Every structure is written in structure tokens, then in C-alpha cells.
Amino acid sequence: MQRHLRIRLLLVAAIAAMAGAVWLASESQRSAANASFGELEAAQSVLTAMFEQQGGVRGFVETGRPAFLQEYEEGRQSFEGALARVRRGVAGDGADLRRAIAEQERAARVWQAAADAAIGRVEVSGTGPGLTSGALHHKALFASFRIEHDRLVDRLKNERSSKQLRAGLVAVGLVLLLSLLFVALGYLFIERGARAEARRRELQVQFGEVLGVARSETECYDVLRRHLERSLPGASAVVLNRNNSADRLEARTPLPTTSQLAGRLSGASPDACLSIRTGKSHAEHAGGDRLLNCELCGGIGPNATCVPSLVGGEVVGSVLVEHPRPLRPHESEGLRASVAEAAPVIANQRNLVLAEMRAATDALTGLANARAVHETLKRMVAQSLRTLKPLAAVLFDLDHFKQVNDVYGHGKGDEVLAAMADAARSGIREADFVGRYGGEEFLILLPDTEAEGARVVAEKLRACFSAVKVGGLERRVTASFGVAVMPDDAIDAGELMRSADRALYAAKAGGRDRVETLPRDKRPAGELVPAGSLSGARAGR
């Protein structure tokens, strides 16, 4: 839209300039015509003055009356004035015109000298019909003047035609020059605009392609931030996520070190962002007078624009861009288009993560399920072998859990499992792992932990479980623990699980509610025991 407006303005400017050039050329032609007309009129006045002089001389010679002599003097004065006007008119013209005027003046002066002589003779000897009047009239003196005068008039007419032709050529040349100039400017402008538009489209296409192959929600956020900062020179972008469960706004990309946004985001609720609150784009400008300023982007820099991230009509976050100058219309449109394009991709990544978490999570306890246990076991065993650091496995099973189900029902049994899972989760480090291996059996993996450290953890959990109270359950819930450690008790994942299971079997056989480790001379052989089979084999223990 803005590009089309500029093209229209350029066309208007070109038309106005060409119209001005034509007007200037026509004014030049008119001025040249007026000047030529004035010169011809002055030349004609010279001829008229000569005729007046000729008539005065002839009348005075034939009659001797002083009135004719006065007519001669007036004609001579008129001649001098007309001659001066002709000289002024051709002052800026060529030497040929000046020579023609000089030749005309020379012929006129010769005739005037002869006229003055004739007047003197009349004044001395009196008038006479044949004295000099016929000679003055018919001799070549006046004819010579007429010849030079006609030559001057011809030259003036030729000069007039030349001036008009030059003015016309100037007009045509000026129009052509302006046309070429505006064509060149238009080409450069349109070509530049076309290149800029092509560049914007290329960046947008590249953005969509890279966004489509992003492997995580975090990577999508980073791609969006980099794209916006590349598309808007000098700008810095921050992707904000709406955390509804905690009722706060979180930055999902690094914050600019010089921005005030870090302090304002601390404890900020989603409604602190006007873009999220209204579901519309919001812009802040330095010195702007707004009825309501945004708590986040208001006054953080010269200019800031915030665009909501919408998925299915729901605002899930926003993108805040700080930029040194106000955004142009096409830049604002590109910003909104980029955020709109990224929003569903980010939502899909988020849903995919949630789906994977649900697929790997036990619905009852909230711990990792059997599939996730096996995958985590393989990964942590491989890490232990790679780093040459020990990995402890703690397998525990609730004692007499079948009796709980039989006496109190499966609902109460589920409550017991959930309570034990919470206790296990709270009793380990952040780097440790706990999952439901199957039934009432759970597995804890402790990286970089020797056998004695694993036994301490197991003892703490055993004591914690004994202290857990479940409403409506009039009995104490205990658990038996089996501990095995790589590489002391096993060299792979299957052997580690078998060793832990053998230690758990020993704890059950030793009276339950206890922690046992596997003696080194009793390492098991065989394959990894499937999830659920161990607890099934020990059902009712």
C-alpha cells in the first residue's frame, strides 16, 4: 500500500514538473516574441522618423516655411529615440544585427548630412522649385537607407524566428530531459521497492521453512526472535508466554541486557501486557499521550510494539519488540504475520510435548510409567558407562499391598500408591529419577551414587513411608528395598535390574520393611525382567 502511494506521488511530481517545463518554455517563446516584436516596432519607428524628416526637408526647401523645418527636427528626434530602442533591443544578440544597425545608421547619417546642406542653402539663397528637393528624393541616398533598413528588418525577422525555434527546442529538450530523469528515478525507486519486497518475501518464506523443521517449542521461540530481529534492523524481540496455572508472564527468549523489561516481568501477571489483555497489537512511542500505558512496554524505550500470540482465538502469549524508530505500515504488517504464522506451530510443539509427557506418565501416581522407566534406565546406564561414574538402582515394593486392596478396596489402594509416590518424589534429588515399574513396584535411579549412598537414600525413604498416613487406612504401610550399583553389581541395564530385584527378594525374605544390597557372589544371569513380572512373582509378599 505504501509503495503504491509513493509511485502515485512520483507520477504526480513528474506531471507537475513537465507541466512547469512546458509553461517555462512557452513563457520563453512569448518573451522572445515580445522582444522581437519590440525590435521590429522600433525599426519601423526609425523608418517613420526618416519619412518625417524627408517630408519636412522637402516642404521647407520648396516653401521655406519654418513649420516644415520644425517637422524635420521632430522627425530627427524621433529617429534618434527609435534608433536607441533598436540598439537596446539587440544588445544581447549577435554581431550581424549590430552591424546591420550600424549600416542603417551610416546611410541615415549620410542622408541627414545632405538634408542639412539643402536646408542651409535654402536659408542662404531662398527657396526654389528645382533646387534640391528632386535630387534628395530621387538620389540614391535615401534609397541606400531603405536598402539597409530592409536588410535590418529581414535580419530582425530571422532572429525572431531563430529565438522562437530555440525556445521551442529548449521546451522539447527540457521535457525530454525531465522525462528521462523521472523514468530513471521511477525505475530506481520501483526496482528498489521491488527488491525490498522480494527480500521481505524471501525472509518470510525462509522463516516458514525453518519454523516447520524446529524440533521443540524453545527452538520455535528462538527462530521467531531471530527472524524478527533480522527483519527489523536495530530491533530486539522477546517472546512472552502466558502461564495460566501460575498466573504469571514468562520470557521464553533471552532478555536484552539494557532493557528494563527484566525488572517489570518479575511477578508480572498476564494482564500486565495490554496486548494480551485486549487481544490486539499495542504500540508505545516516546512522548506519546495515551489514555492507558502498558505496564510492561510503556516507557522502556523510544518505541515498542507488542503483538498477541493467538491460537484458536485464545491468547497464549505475546511478542514484544523494541525498535529505534516507529514501524512503517509494511513492517507492522510483517510483524503481525510472523507472529500469526508462528503461533500454531508453537502450539503444536507444546501439545506434542504434553502428549509425550502423558504417554510417559503414570496417570495414578504422576510418576514415569513402565515405558519411560525402561527408556530412562537405558539412557542413564549409557551415561554411566560413558562417564565411568556409578549408577545406583533402588527397587522397592509395598509390603502386603494385596491385603490393602482386599480389605479396603482398590480405591484405597490407589490412594496408598499415590501417597507413596509423593513421598518417593520428595525424598530424592532433582538429578535422580523415580518411576512406577509396575503394580506396587517402583524404581529409583541415583546417578553418581555408590552402594552406601544408595542404601542411605533407601533407608530415609523406608522411614518416610512408615510415617505416611492415609485417611481411612488403619494400618501402617511399609516397603521393602533392594539396592544394586553399577559397575559393582552389574555391567549393563538388564543385569542391574536383576541384581536390584535379587536384593529386593532378599529384603522380602528377611522380614520386609528393610533395605538389602546384593552380595557380590550372588549376581544374577539372564535377560532384563519385564515390567510387572517381578511384582507379579512377588505378589502377596
Protein backbone atom coordinates (compact mmCIF):
# COMPACT_ATOMS: atom_id res chain seq x y z
CA MET A 1 0.00 0.00 0.00
CA GLN A 2 2.74 2.47 0.92
CA ARG A 3 4.75 1.54 -2.18
CA HIS A 4 1.75 2.22 -4.42
CA LEU A 5 1.22 5.58 -2.72
CA ARG A 6 4.84 6.56 -3.38
CA ILE A 7 4.51 5.59 -7.03
CA ARG A 8 1.43 7.80 -7.34
CA LEU A 9 3.28 10.69 -5.71
CA LEU A 10 6.19 10.20 -8.10
CA LEU A 11 3.83 10.29 -11.09
CA VAL A 12 2.16 13.46 -9.80
CA ALA A 13 5.57 15.07 -9.31
CA ALA A 14 6.62 14.09 -12.85
CA ILE A 15 3.45 15.51 -14.38
CA ALA A 16 3.81 18.72 -12.37
CA ALA A 17 7.48 19.11 -13.36
CA MET A 18 6.71 18.53 -17.05
CA ALA A 19 3.85 21.00 -16.92
CA GLY A 20 6.20 23.52 -15.33
CA ALA A 21 8.78 22.88 -18.04
CA VAL A 22 6.20 23.42 -20.80
CA TRP A 23 5.00 26.60 -19.11
CA LEU A 24 8.58 27.86 -18.76
CA ALA A 25 9.28 27.12 -22.42
CA SER A 26 6.08 28.83 -23.55
CA GLU A 27 6.99 31.83 -21.41
CA SER A 28 10.40 31.88 -23.08
CA GLN A 29 8.74 31.79 -26.50
CA ARG A 30 6.36 34.54 -25.52
CA SER A 31 9.20 36.66 -24.14
CA ALA A 32 11.23 36.09 -27.30
CA ALA A 33 8.24 37.02 -29.48
CA ASN A 34 7.58 40.17 -27.45
CA ALA A 35 11.24 41.20 -27.65
CA SER A 36 11.34 40.59 -31.41
CA PHE A 37 8.09 42.48 -31.86
CA GLY A 38 9.55 45.43 -29.90
CA GLU A 39 12.69 45.43 -32.04
CA LEU A 40 10.66 45.37 -35.29
CA GLU A 41 8.43 48.13 -33.95
CA ALA A 42 11.49 50.24 -33.09
CA ALA A 43 12.95 49.60 -36.56
CA GLN A 44 9.65 50.66 -38.14
CA SER A 45 9.76 53.83 -35.99
CA VAL A 46 13.21 54.56 -37.43
CA LEU A 47 11.77 54.36 -40.97
CA THR A 48 8.78 56.51 -39.99
CA ALA A 49 11.08 59.12 -38.48
CA MET A 50 13.12 59.18 -41.69
CA PHE A 51 9.96 59.74 -43.72
CA GLU A 52 9.04 62.58 -41.37
CA GLN A 53 12.46 64.12 -41.88
CA GLN A 54 12.20 63.69 -45.65
CA GLY A 55 8.78 65.37 -45.72
CA GLY A 56 9.99 68.28 -43.56
CA VAL A 57 13.06 68.87 -45.70
CA ARG A 58 11.14 68.73 -48.94
CA GLY A 59 8.44 71.12 -47.65
CA PHE A 60 10.99 73.57 -46.28
CA VAL A 61 13.05 73.55 -49.46
CA GLU A 62 10.03 74.12 -51.68
CA THR A 63 8.19 76.64 -49.47
CA GLY A 64 10.71 77.97 -46.98
CA ARG A 65 8.15 77.77 -44.27
CA PRO A 66 9.61 77.22 -40.79
CA ALA A 67 6.82 74.78 -39.90
CA PHE A 68 8.37 72.23 -42.25
CA LEU A 69 11.73 72.78 -40.66
CA GLN A 70 10.17 72.04 -37.24
CA GLU A 71 8.68 68.85 -38.70
CA TYR A 72 12.17 67.88 -39.84
CA GLU A 73 13.61 68.47 -36.36
CA GLU A 74 10.87 66.47 -34.69
CA GLY A 75 11.42 63.63 -37.13
CA ARG A 76 15.11 63.71 -36.35
CA GLN A 77 14.46 63.49 -32.61
CA SER A 78 12.10 60.58 -33.21
CA PHE A 79 14.78 58.96 -35.32
CA GLU A 80 17.34 59.21 -32.54
CA GLY A 81 14.93 57.73 -29.98
CA ALA A 82 13.86 54.88 -32.27
CA LEU A 83 17.48 54.13 -33.15
CA ALA A 84 18.36 53.95 -29.45
CA ARG A 85 15.49 51.50 -28.84
CA VAL A 86 16.70 49.31 -31.68
CA ARG A 87 20.20 49.25 -30.23
CA ARG A 88 18.91 48.29 -26.79
CA GLY A 89 16.76 45.53 -28.25
CA VAL A 90 19.66 43.84 -29.99
CA ALA A 91 22.27 44.48 -27.29
CA GLY A 92 22.36 40.78 -26.36
CA ASP A 93 22.10 39.47 -29.92
CA GLY A 94 24.77 38.62 -32.47
CA ALA A 95 27.30 40.89 -34.18
CA ASP A 96 25.44 40.64 -37.53
CA LEU A 97 22.47 42.57 -36.15
CA ARG A 98 24.70 45.21 -34.65
CA ARG A 99 26.50 45.62 -38.00
CA ALA A 100 23.17 45.92 -39.80
CA ILE A 101 22.07 48.67 -37.42
CA ALA A 102 25.40 50.45 -37.94
CA GLU A 103 25.00 50.25 -41.75
CA GLN A 104 21.45 51.62 -41.50
CA GLU A 105 22.63 54.41 -39.23
CA ARG A 106 25.53 55.25 -41.58
CA ALA A 107 23.14 55.55 -44.56
CA ALA A 108 20.74 57.66 -42.47
CA ARG A 109 23.56 59.98 -41.33
CA VAL A 110 24.68 60.48 -44.96
CA TRP A 111 21.14 61.39 -45.98
CA GLN A 112 20.76 63.68 -42.94
CA ALA A 113 24.02 65.43 -43.82
CA ALA A 114 22.73 66.04 -47.33
CA ALA A 115 19.41 67.27 -45.91
CA ASP A 116 21.19 69.65 -43.55
CA ALA A 117 23.17 71.02 -46.52
CA ALA A 118 20.00 71.54 -48.52
CA ILE A 119 18.35 73.36 -45.60
CA GLY A 120 21.41 75.59 -45.29
CA ARG A 121 21.32 76.52 -48.95
CA VAL A 122 17.64 77.43 -48.71
CA GLU A 123 18.23 79.55 -45.67
CA VAL A 124 21.02 81.40 -47.60
CA SER A 125 19.58 81.73 -51.11
CA GLY A 126 15.88 81.20 -50.58
CA THR A 127 13.52 78.59 -51.95
CA GLY A 128 13.31 77.32 -55.49
CA PRO A 129 11.22 74.56 -57.07
CA GLY A 130 14.11 72.66 -58.54
CA LEU A 131 16.80 73.45 -56.07
CA THR A 132 17.45 70.14 -54.25
CA SER A 133 14.17 68.51 -53.45
CA GLY A 134 14.10 66.30 -56.52
CA ALA A 135 17.70 65.29 -56.02
CA LEU A 136 17.09 64.37 -52.40
CA HIS A 137 14.02 62.41 -53.27
CA HIS A 138 15.35 60.52 -56.22
CA LYS A 139 19.01 60.10 -55.44
CA ALA A 140 20.48 57.00 -54.04
CA LEU A 141 20.96 58.40 -50.55
CA PHE A 142 17.50 57.70 -49.29
CA ALA A 143 17.37 54.54 -51.38
CA SER A 144 20.55 53.36 -49.69
CA PHE A 145 18.96 53.94 -46.31
CA ARG A 146 15.88 51.98 -47.40
CA ILE A 147 18.03 49.12 -48.57
CA GLU A 148 19.93 48.97 -45.25
CA HIS A 149 16.68 49.32 -43.35
CA ASP A 150 15.10 46.42 -45.22
CA ARG A 151 18.16 44.32 -44.54
CA LEU A 152 17.89 45.14 -40.82
CA VAL A 153 14.21 44.21 -40.78
CA ASP A 154 14.96 40.91 -42.52
CA ARG A 155 17.66 40.16 -40.01
CA LEU A 156 15.32 41.01 -37.12
CA LYS A 157 12.66 38.71 -38.54
CA ASN A 158 15.21 35.94 -38.98
CA GLU A 159 16.42 36.50 -35.43
CA ARG A 160 12.83 36.37 -34.22
CA SER A 161 12.31 33.01 -35.96
CA SER A 162 15.59 31.71 -34.53
CA LYS A 163 14.63 32.75 -31.00
CA GLN A 164 11.24 31.08 -31.29
CA LEU A 165 12.85 27.95 -32.69
CA ARG A 166 15.43 27.90 -29.88
CA ALA A 167 12.70 28.39 -27.28
CA GLY A 168 10.73 25.53 -28.81
CA LEU A 169 13.80 23.28 -28.85
CA VAL A 170 14.54 24.21 -25.24
CA ALA A 171 10.98 23.26 -24.30
CA VAL A 172 11.21 19.92 -26.08
CA GLY A 173 14.67 19.25 -24.64
CA LEU A 174 13.56 20.15 -21.14
CA VAL A 175 10.54 17.89 -21.37
CA LEU A 176 12.68 15.05 -22.71
CA LEU A 177 15.29 15.59 -20.01
CA LEU A 178 12.69 15.61 -17.26
CA SER A 179 11.04 12.55 -18.78
CA LEU A 180 14.33 10.67 -18.78
CA LEU A 181 15.09 11.86 -15.26
CA PHE A 182 11.76 10.76 -13.87
CA VAL A 183 11.90 7.49 -15.79
CA ALA A 184 15.32 6.83 -14.23
CA LEU A 185 14.11 7.84 -10.77
CA GLY A 186 10.96 5.80 -11.19
CA TYR A 187 12.93 2.78 -12.31
CA LEU A 188 15.36 3.09 -9.41
CA PHE A 189 12.53 3.63 -6.94
CA ILE A 190 10.35 0.82 -8.25
CA GLU A 191 13.31 -1.51 -8.64
CA ARG A 192 14.49 -0.72 -5.14
CA GLY A 193 10.99 -1.24 -3.78
CA ALA A 194 10.66 -4.48 -5.73
CA ARG A 195 13.99 -5.74 -4.38
CA ALA A 196 12.99 -4.81 -0.84
CA GLU A 197 9.64 -6.56 -1.27
CA ALA A 198 11.34 -9.62 -2.73
CA ARG A 199 13.77 -9.64 0.21
CA ARG A 200 10.89 -9.45 2.70
CA ARG A 201 9.11 -12.33 0.96
CA GLU A 202 12.30 -14.37 0.87
CA LEU A 203 12.83 -13.85 4.60
CA GLN A 204 9.21 -14.76 5.31
CA VAL A 205 9.42 -17.94 3.22
CA GLN A 206 12.70 -18.89 4.86
CA PHE A 207 11.14 -18.23 8.26
CA GLY A 208 8.24 -20.56 7.49
CA GLU A 209 10.56 -23.30 6.25
CA VAL A 210 12.86 -23.14 9.29
CA LEU A 211 9.90 -22.92 11.65
CA GLY A 212 8.48 -26.08 10.13
CA VAL A 213 11.58 -28.13 10.98
CA ALA A 214 12.04 -26.79 14.53
CA ARG A 215 12.26 -29.69 16.99
CA SER A 216 10.99 -28.03 20.14
CA GLU A 217 8.91 -25.21 21.50
CA THR A 218 12.06 -23.43 22.70
CA GLU A 219 13.61 -23.68 19.24
CA CYS A 220 10.45 -22.18 17.71
CA TYR A 221 10.68 -19.24 20.10
CA ASP A 222 14.31 -18.65 19.16
CA VAL A 223 13.58 -18.87 15.41
CA LEU A 224 10.78 -16.30 15.78
CA ARG A 225 13.02 -13.93 17.75
CA ARG A 226 15.89 -14.17 15.26
CA HIS A 227 13.53 -13.67 12.29
CA LEU A 228 12.01 -10.51 13.77
CA GLU A 229 15.37 -9.02 14.69
CA ARG A 230 16.69 -9.75 11.20
CA SER A 231 13.61 -8.26 9.53
CA LEU A 232 13.62 -5.09 11.69
CA PRO A 233 17.16 -3.62 11.81
CA GLY A 234 18.17 -2.41 15.24
CA ALA A 235 15.22 -4.09 16.96
CA SER A 236 15.26 -6.56 19.86
CA ALA A 237 12.45 -9.08 20.33
CA VAL A 238 11.28 -11.04 23.38
CA VAL A 239 8.75 -13.88 23.25
CA LEU A 240 6.46 -13.95 26.30
CA ASN A 241 4.45 -16.97 27.38
CA ARG A 242 1.24 -16.91 29.39
CA ASN A 243 1.47 -19.33 32.33
CA ASN A 244 -2.15 -19.65 33.41
CA SER A 245 -1.52 -22.15 36.19
CA ALA A 246 0.90 -19.79 37.95
CA ASP A 247 -0.89 -16.65 36.73
CA ARG A 248 2.30 -15.04 35.52
CA LEU A 249 4.02 -13.93 32.33
CA GLU A 250 7.30 -15.61 31.45
CA ALA A 251 10.03 -14.67 28.96
CA ARG A 252 10.85 -17.66 26.73
CA THR A 253 13.78 -15.97 24.96
CA PRO A 254 16.77 -14.09 26.43
CA LEU A 255 16.03 -10.55 27.60
CA PRO A 256 18.13 -7.64 26.26
CA THR A 257 20.74 -6.70 28.86
CA THR A 258 19.96 -2.98 28.51
CA SER A 259 16.19 -3.35 28.71
CA GLN A 260 14.05 -2.53 31.75
CA LEU A 261 11.84 -5.50 30.92
CA ALA A 262 13.59 -7.91 33.30
CA GLY A 263 12.52 -5.94 36.37
CA ARG A 264 8.99 -5.42 35.12
CA LEU A 265 8.49 -9.12 34.33
CA SER A 266 9.31 -10.15 37.88
CA GLY A 267 5.99 -11.32 39.27
CA ALA A 268 4.01 -9.75 36.39
CA SER A 269 0.61 -11.27 35.66
CA PRO A 270 -0.51 -11.87 32.04
CA ASP A 271 -2.90 -8.91 32.25
CA ALA A 272 0.07 -6.58 32.76
CA CYS A 273 0.56 -6.81 28.98
CA LEU A 274 -2.09 -4.72 27.20
CA SER A 275 -1.66 -6.80 24.07
CA ILE A 276 -2.61 -9.96 25.97
CA ARG A 277 -5.39 -8.16 27.83
CA THR A 278 -7.02 -6.77 24.67
CA GLY A 279 -6.03 -9.45 22.18
CA LYS A 280 -4.80 -6.73 19.81
CA SER A 281 -1.47 -5.24 18.79
CA HIS A 282 -0.27 -2.42 21.03
CA ALA A 283 2.36 0.25 20.24
CA GLU A 284 4.14 2.63 22.60
CA HIS A 285 6.00 5.73 21.38
CA ALA A 286 8.26 8.17 23.20
CA GLY A 287 6.27 11.24 24.19
CA GLY A 288 3.00 9.58 23.19
CA ASP A 289 -0.13 10.66 25.01
CA ARG A 290 -2.19 7.51 25.66
CA LEU A 291 -5.16 7.01 27.95
CA LEU A 292 -3.66 3.77 29.26
CA ASN A 293 0.01 2.78 29.12
CA CYS A 294 1.21 -0.82 29.19
CA GLU A 295 2.83 -1.88 32.47
CA LEU A 296 5.49 -3.84 30.58
CA CYS A 297 6.46 -1.88 27.46
CA GLY A 298 5.38 1.63 28.47
CA GLY A 299 8.46 3.85 28.52
CA ILE A 300 11.05 1.07 28.16
CA GLY A 301 12.49 2.65 25.01
CA PRO A 302 11.85 5.08 22.18
CA ASN A 303 9.36 2.73 20.53
CA ALA A 304 7.87 -0.64 21.40
CA THR A 305 5.27 -2.85 19.71
CA CYS A 306 3.59 -5.85 21.30
CA VAL A 307 1.64 -8.42 19.25
CA PRO A 308 -0.56 -11.11 20.85
CA SER A 309 0.00 -14.75 20.01
CA LEU A 310 -3.41 -16.26 19.22
CA VAL A 311 -4.23 -19.96 18.88
CA GLY A 312 -7.84 -20.89 18.22
CA GLY A 313 -8.97 -17.45 19.35
CA GLU A 314 -7.17 -17.80 22.70
CA VAL A 315 -4.26 -15.54 23.67
CA VAL A 316 -1.37 -17.81 24.71
CA GLY A 317 1.31 -15.14 24.91
CA SER A 318 2.76 -12.15 23.10
CA VAL A 319 5.87 -10.91 21.30
CA LEU A 320 7.39 -7.63 22.47
CA VAL A 321 9.66 -5.77 20.02
CA GLU A 322 11.71 -2.71 20.96
CA HIS A 323 12.74 -0.68 17.88
CA PRO A 324 14.64 2.62 17.48
CA ARG A 325 12.09 4.25 15.13
CA PRO A 326 8.34 3.88 14.55
CA LEU A 327 7.49 0.91 12.36
CA ARG A 328 6.37 1.52 8.80
CA PRO A 329 3.00 0.02 7.78
CA HIS A 330 4.57 -2.91 5.92
CA GLU A 331 6.86 -3.62 8.90
CA SER A 332 3.91 -3.71 11.32
CA GLU A 333 2.04 -5.98 8.95
CA GLY A 334 5.07 -8.28 8.63
CA LEU A 335 5.43 -8.42 12.43
CA ARG A 336 1.80 -9.46 12.88
CA ALA A 337 2.05 -12.01 10.04
CA SER A 338 5.18 -13.60 11.52
CA VAL A 339 3.65 -13.94 14.99
CA ALA A 340 0.43 -15.33 13.50
CA GLU A 341 2.42 -17.87 11.47
CA ALA A 342 4.50 -19.00 14.45
CA ALA A 343 1.64 -19.28 16.96
CA PRO A 344 0.05 -22.54 15.69
CA VAL A 345 3.47 -24.16 15.18
CA ILE A 346 4.45 -23.35 18.77
CA ALA A 347 1.07 -24.61 19.98
CA ASN A 348 1.61 -27.90 18.10
CA GLN A 349 5.05 -28.30 19.67
CA ARG A 350 3.56 -27.63 23.09
CA ASN A 351 0.75 -30.15 22.53
CA LEU A 352 3.28 -32.69 21.28
CA VAL A 353 5.34 -32.29 24.44
CA LEU A 354 2.23 -32.65 26.57
CA ALA A 355 1.20 -35.75 24.65
CA GLU A 356 4.65 -37.28 25.08
CA MET A 357 4.61 -36.46 28.78
CA ARG A 358 1.19 -38.03 29.19
CA ALA A 359 2.30 -41.10 27.24
CA ALA A 360 5.29 -41.45 29.55
CA THR A 361 3.45 -40.64 32.80
CA ASP A 362 1.54 -42.96 35.07
CA ALA A 363 -1.92 -41.44 35.47
CA LEU A 364 -2.39 -42.59 39.05
CA THR A 365 0.90 -41.54 40.64
CA GLY A 366 2.13 -38.84 38.25
CA LEU A 367 5.48 -40.64 38.03
CA ALA A 368 7.10 -42.02 34.88
CA ASN A 369 5.36 -45.17 33.69
CA ALA A 370 6.94 -48.50 32.81
CA ARG A 371 7.86 -47.47 29.25
CA ALA A 372 9.53 -44.30 30.46
CA VAL A 373 11.31 -46.29 33.18
CA HIS A 374 12.91 -48.59 30.60
CA GLU A 375 13.95 -45.67 28.35
CA THR A 376 15.41 -43.70 31.26
CA LEU A 377 17.22 -46.78 32.55
CA LYS A 378 18.92 -47.32 29.18
CA ARG A 379 19.89 -43.66 28.92
CA MET A 380 21.30 -43.42 32.44
CA VAL A 381 23.17 -46.70 32.12
CA ALA A 382 24.75 -45.47 28.88
CA GLN A 383 25.72 -42.22 30.60
CA SER A 384 27.25 -44.16 33.49
CA LEU A 385 29.33 -46.28 31.13
CA ARG A 386 30.42 -43.20 29.17
CA THR A 387 31.43 -41.13 32.23
CA LEU A 388 32.71 -44.09 34.26
CA LYS A 389 30.64 -42.95 37.22
CA PRO A 390 28.50 -45.30 39.36
CA LEU A 391 24.74 -45.63 38.94
CA ALA A 392 22.61 -46.99 41.77
CA ALA A 393 19.24 -48.67 41.25
CA VAL A 394 16.79 -48.85 44.17
CA LEU A 395 13.85 -51.16 43.53
CA PHE A 396 11.14 -51.06 46.22
CA ASP A 397 7.84 -52.83 46.64
CA LEU A 398 4.98 -52.10 49.10
CA ASP A 399 4.55 -54.83 51.67
CA HIS A 400 1.27 -56.79 51.77
CA PHE A 401 -0.32 -54.42 49.29
CA LYS A 402 -2.74 -57.14 48.15
CA GLN A 403 -4.23 -57.17 51.63
CA VAL A 404 -4.86 -53.43 51.41
CA ASN A 405 -6.83 -53.93 48.19
CA ASP A 406 -8.69 -56.93 49.58
CA VAL A 407 -9.65 -55.30 52.88
CA TYR A 408 -10.07 -51.63 51.97
CA GLY A 409 -10.77 -51.85 48.27
CA HIS A 410 -8.83 -50.83 45.18
CA GLY A 411 -9.77 -47.17 45.62
CA LYS A 412 -7.97 -47.04 48.95
CA GLY A 413 -5.10 -48.97 47.37
CA ASP A 414 -4.79 -46.28 44.71
CA GLU A 415 -4.60 -43.64 47.45
CA VAL A 416 -1.78 -45.56 49.09
CA LEU A 417 0.14 -45.80 45.81
CA ALA A 418 -0.27 -42.07 45.16
CA ALA A 419 0.86 -41.21 48.71
CA MET A 420 3.95 -43.44 48.41
CA ALA A 421 4.77 -41.88 45.01
CA ASP A 422 4.64 -38.38 46.50
CA ALA A 423 6.86 -39.42 49.37
CA ALA A 424 9.37 -41.01 46.98
CA ARG A 425 9.40 -37.94 44.73
CA SER A 426 10.08 -35.60 47.65
CA GLY A 427 12.83 -37.80 49.10
CA ILE A 428 15.26 -37.75 46.15
CA ARG A 429 17.48 -35.18 44.41
CA GLU A 430 16.49 -33.27 41.30
CA ALA A 431 19.02 -35.24 39.23
CA ASP A 432 17.59 -38.56 40.46
CA PHE A 433 14.77 -40.47 38.81
CA VAL A 434 11.76 -42.34 40.19
CA GLY A 435 9.13 -44.23 38.22
CA ARG A 436 6.39 -46.80 38.67
CA TYR A 437 7.87 -50.04 37.42
CA GLY A 438 4.65 -51.99 37.64
CA GLY A 439 1.80 -52.60 40.11
CA GLU A 440 3.06 -51.61 43.56
CA GLU A 441 6.69 -51.75 42.49
CA PHE A 442 8.81 -48.60 41.92
CA LEU A 443 12.34 -47.94 40.64
CA ILE A 444 14.68 -45.17 41.75
CA LEU A 445 17.88 -44.40 39.78
CA LEU A 446 20.63 -42.47 41.54
CA PRO A 447 23.45 -41.25 39.23
CA ASP A 448 26.98 -40.85 40.60
CA THR A 449 26.00 -42.73 43.78
CA GLU A 450 27.87 -45.62 45.44
CA ALA A 451 26.17 -48.52 47.26
CA GLU A 452 26.44 -46.92 50.68
CA GLY A 453 24.89 -43.64 49.48
CA ALA A 454 22.07 -45.54 47.79
CA ARG A 455 21.44 -47.50 50.97
CA VAL A 456 21.18 -44.21 52.94
CA VAL A 457 18.61 -42.88 50.50
CA ALA A 458 16.64 -46.11 50.68
CA GLU A 459 16.64 -46.07 54.49
CA LYS A 460 15.36 -42.48 54.54
CA LEU A 461 12.56 -43.40 52.16
CA ARG A 462 11.69 -46.52 54.21
CA ALA A 463 11.33 -44.41 57.32
CA CYS A 464 9.35 -41.81 55.44
CA PHE A 465 6.94 -44.41 54.07
CA SER A 466 6.33 -45.82 57.55
CA ALA A 467 5.28 -42.33 58.70
CA VAL A 468 2.82 -41.74 55.85
CA LYS A 469 -0.81 -41.65 56.97
CA VAL A 470 -3.65 -42.41 54.58
CA GLY A 471 -7.14 -41.47 55.68
CA GLY A 472 -9.37 -44.44 56.40
CA LEU A 473 -6.43 -46.85 56.45
CA GLU A 474 -5.97 -48.34 59.92
CA ARG A 475 -2.63 -49.91 59.31
CA ARG A 476 0.96 -48.83 58.69
CA VAL A 477 2.23 -49.02 55.10
CA THR A 478 5.78 -50.29 54.71
CA ALA A 479 8.03 -51.11 51.77
CA SER A 480 10.98 -53.39 51.08
CA PHE A 481 14.02 -52.07 49.17
CA GLY A 482 16.62 -53.76 47.03
CA VAL A 483 19.80 -51.84 46.06
CA ALA A 484 22.23 -52.61 43.24
CA VAL A 485 25.03 -50.47 41.79
CA MET A 486 26.89 -50.32 38.51
CA PRO A 487 29.60 -51.40 37.94
CA ASP A 488 29.93 -53.31 41.26
CA ASP A 489 26.78 -55.42 40.83
CA ALA A 490 26.17 -55.21 37.06
CA ILE A 491 27.69 -54.18 33.76
CA ASP A 492 24.51 -53.44 31.80
CA ALA A 493 20.88 -52.41 32.31
CA GLY A 494 19.45 -55.93 32.41
CA GLU A 495 21.95 -57.18 34.94
CA LEU A 496 21.43 -54.06 37.08
CA MET A 497 17.70 -54.72 37.28
CA ARG A 498 18.17 -58.38 38.04
CA SER A 499 20.63 -57.50 40.81
CA ALA A 500 18.22 -54.99 42.34
CA ASP A 501 15.39 -57.49 42.11
CA ARG A 502 17.51 -60.16 43.80
CA ALA A 503 18.29 -57.70 46.62
CA LEU A 504 14.57 -56.85 46.90
CA TYR A 505 13.78 -60.57 47.12
CA ALA A 506 16.27 -60.83 49.96
CA ALA A 507 14.55 -57.91 51.76
CA LYS A 508 11.19 -59.63 51.43
CA ALA A 509 12.63 -62.92 52.64
CA GLY A 510 14.34 -61.15 55.53
CA GLY A 511 11.06 -59.92 57.02
CA ARG A 512 10.07 -56.94 54.83
CA ASP A 513 10.25 -53.23 55.73
CA ARG A 514 14.01 -53.30 55.24
CA VAL A 515 16.79 -52.39 52.78
CA GLU A 516 19.06 -55.07 51.30
CA THR A 517 22.01 -54.96 48.89
CA LEU A 518 23.19 -57.84 46.77
CA PRO A 519 26.25 -59.78 47.89
CA ARG A 520 28.86 -59.84 45.15
CA ASP A 521 28.81 -63.62 44.87
CA LYS A 522 25.10 -63.67 44.03
CA ARG A 523 24.96 -61.66 40.81
CA PRO A 524 22.13 -62.97 38.61
CA ALA A 525 22.37 -64.04 34.99
CA GLY A 526 19.78 -63.78 32.23
CA GLU A 527 17.83 -61.06 30.46
CA LEU A 528 16.12 -57.96 31.72
CA VAL A 529 12.98 -58.86 33.66
CA PRO A 530 9.90 -57.25 32.02
CA ALA A 531 7.95 -54.62 33.96
CA GLY A 532 5.30 -56.10 36.16
CA SER A 533 6.69 -59.62 36.17
CA LEU A 534 8.74 -59.05 39.30
CA SER A 535 5.85 -57.65 41.27
CA GLY A 536 3.69 -60.47 39.95
CA ALA A 537 6.22 -63.02 41.05
CA ARG A 538 6.27 -61.46 44.49
CA ALA A 539 2.52 -60.93 44.72
CA GLY A 540 1.30 -61.35 48.23
CA ARG A 541 4.75 -60.99 49.81
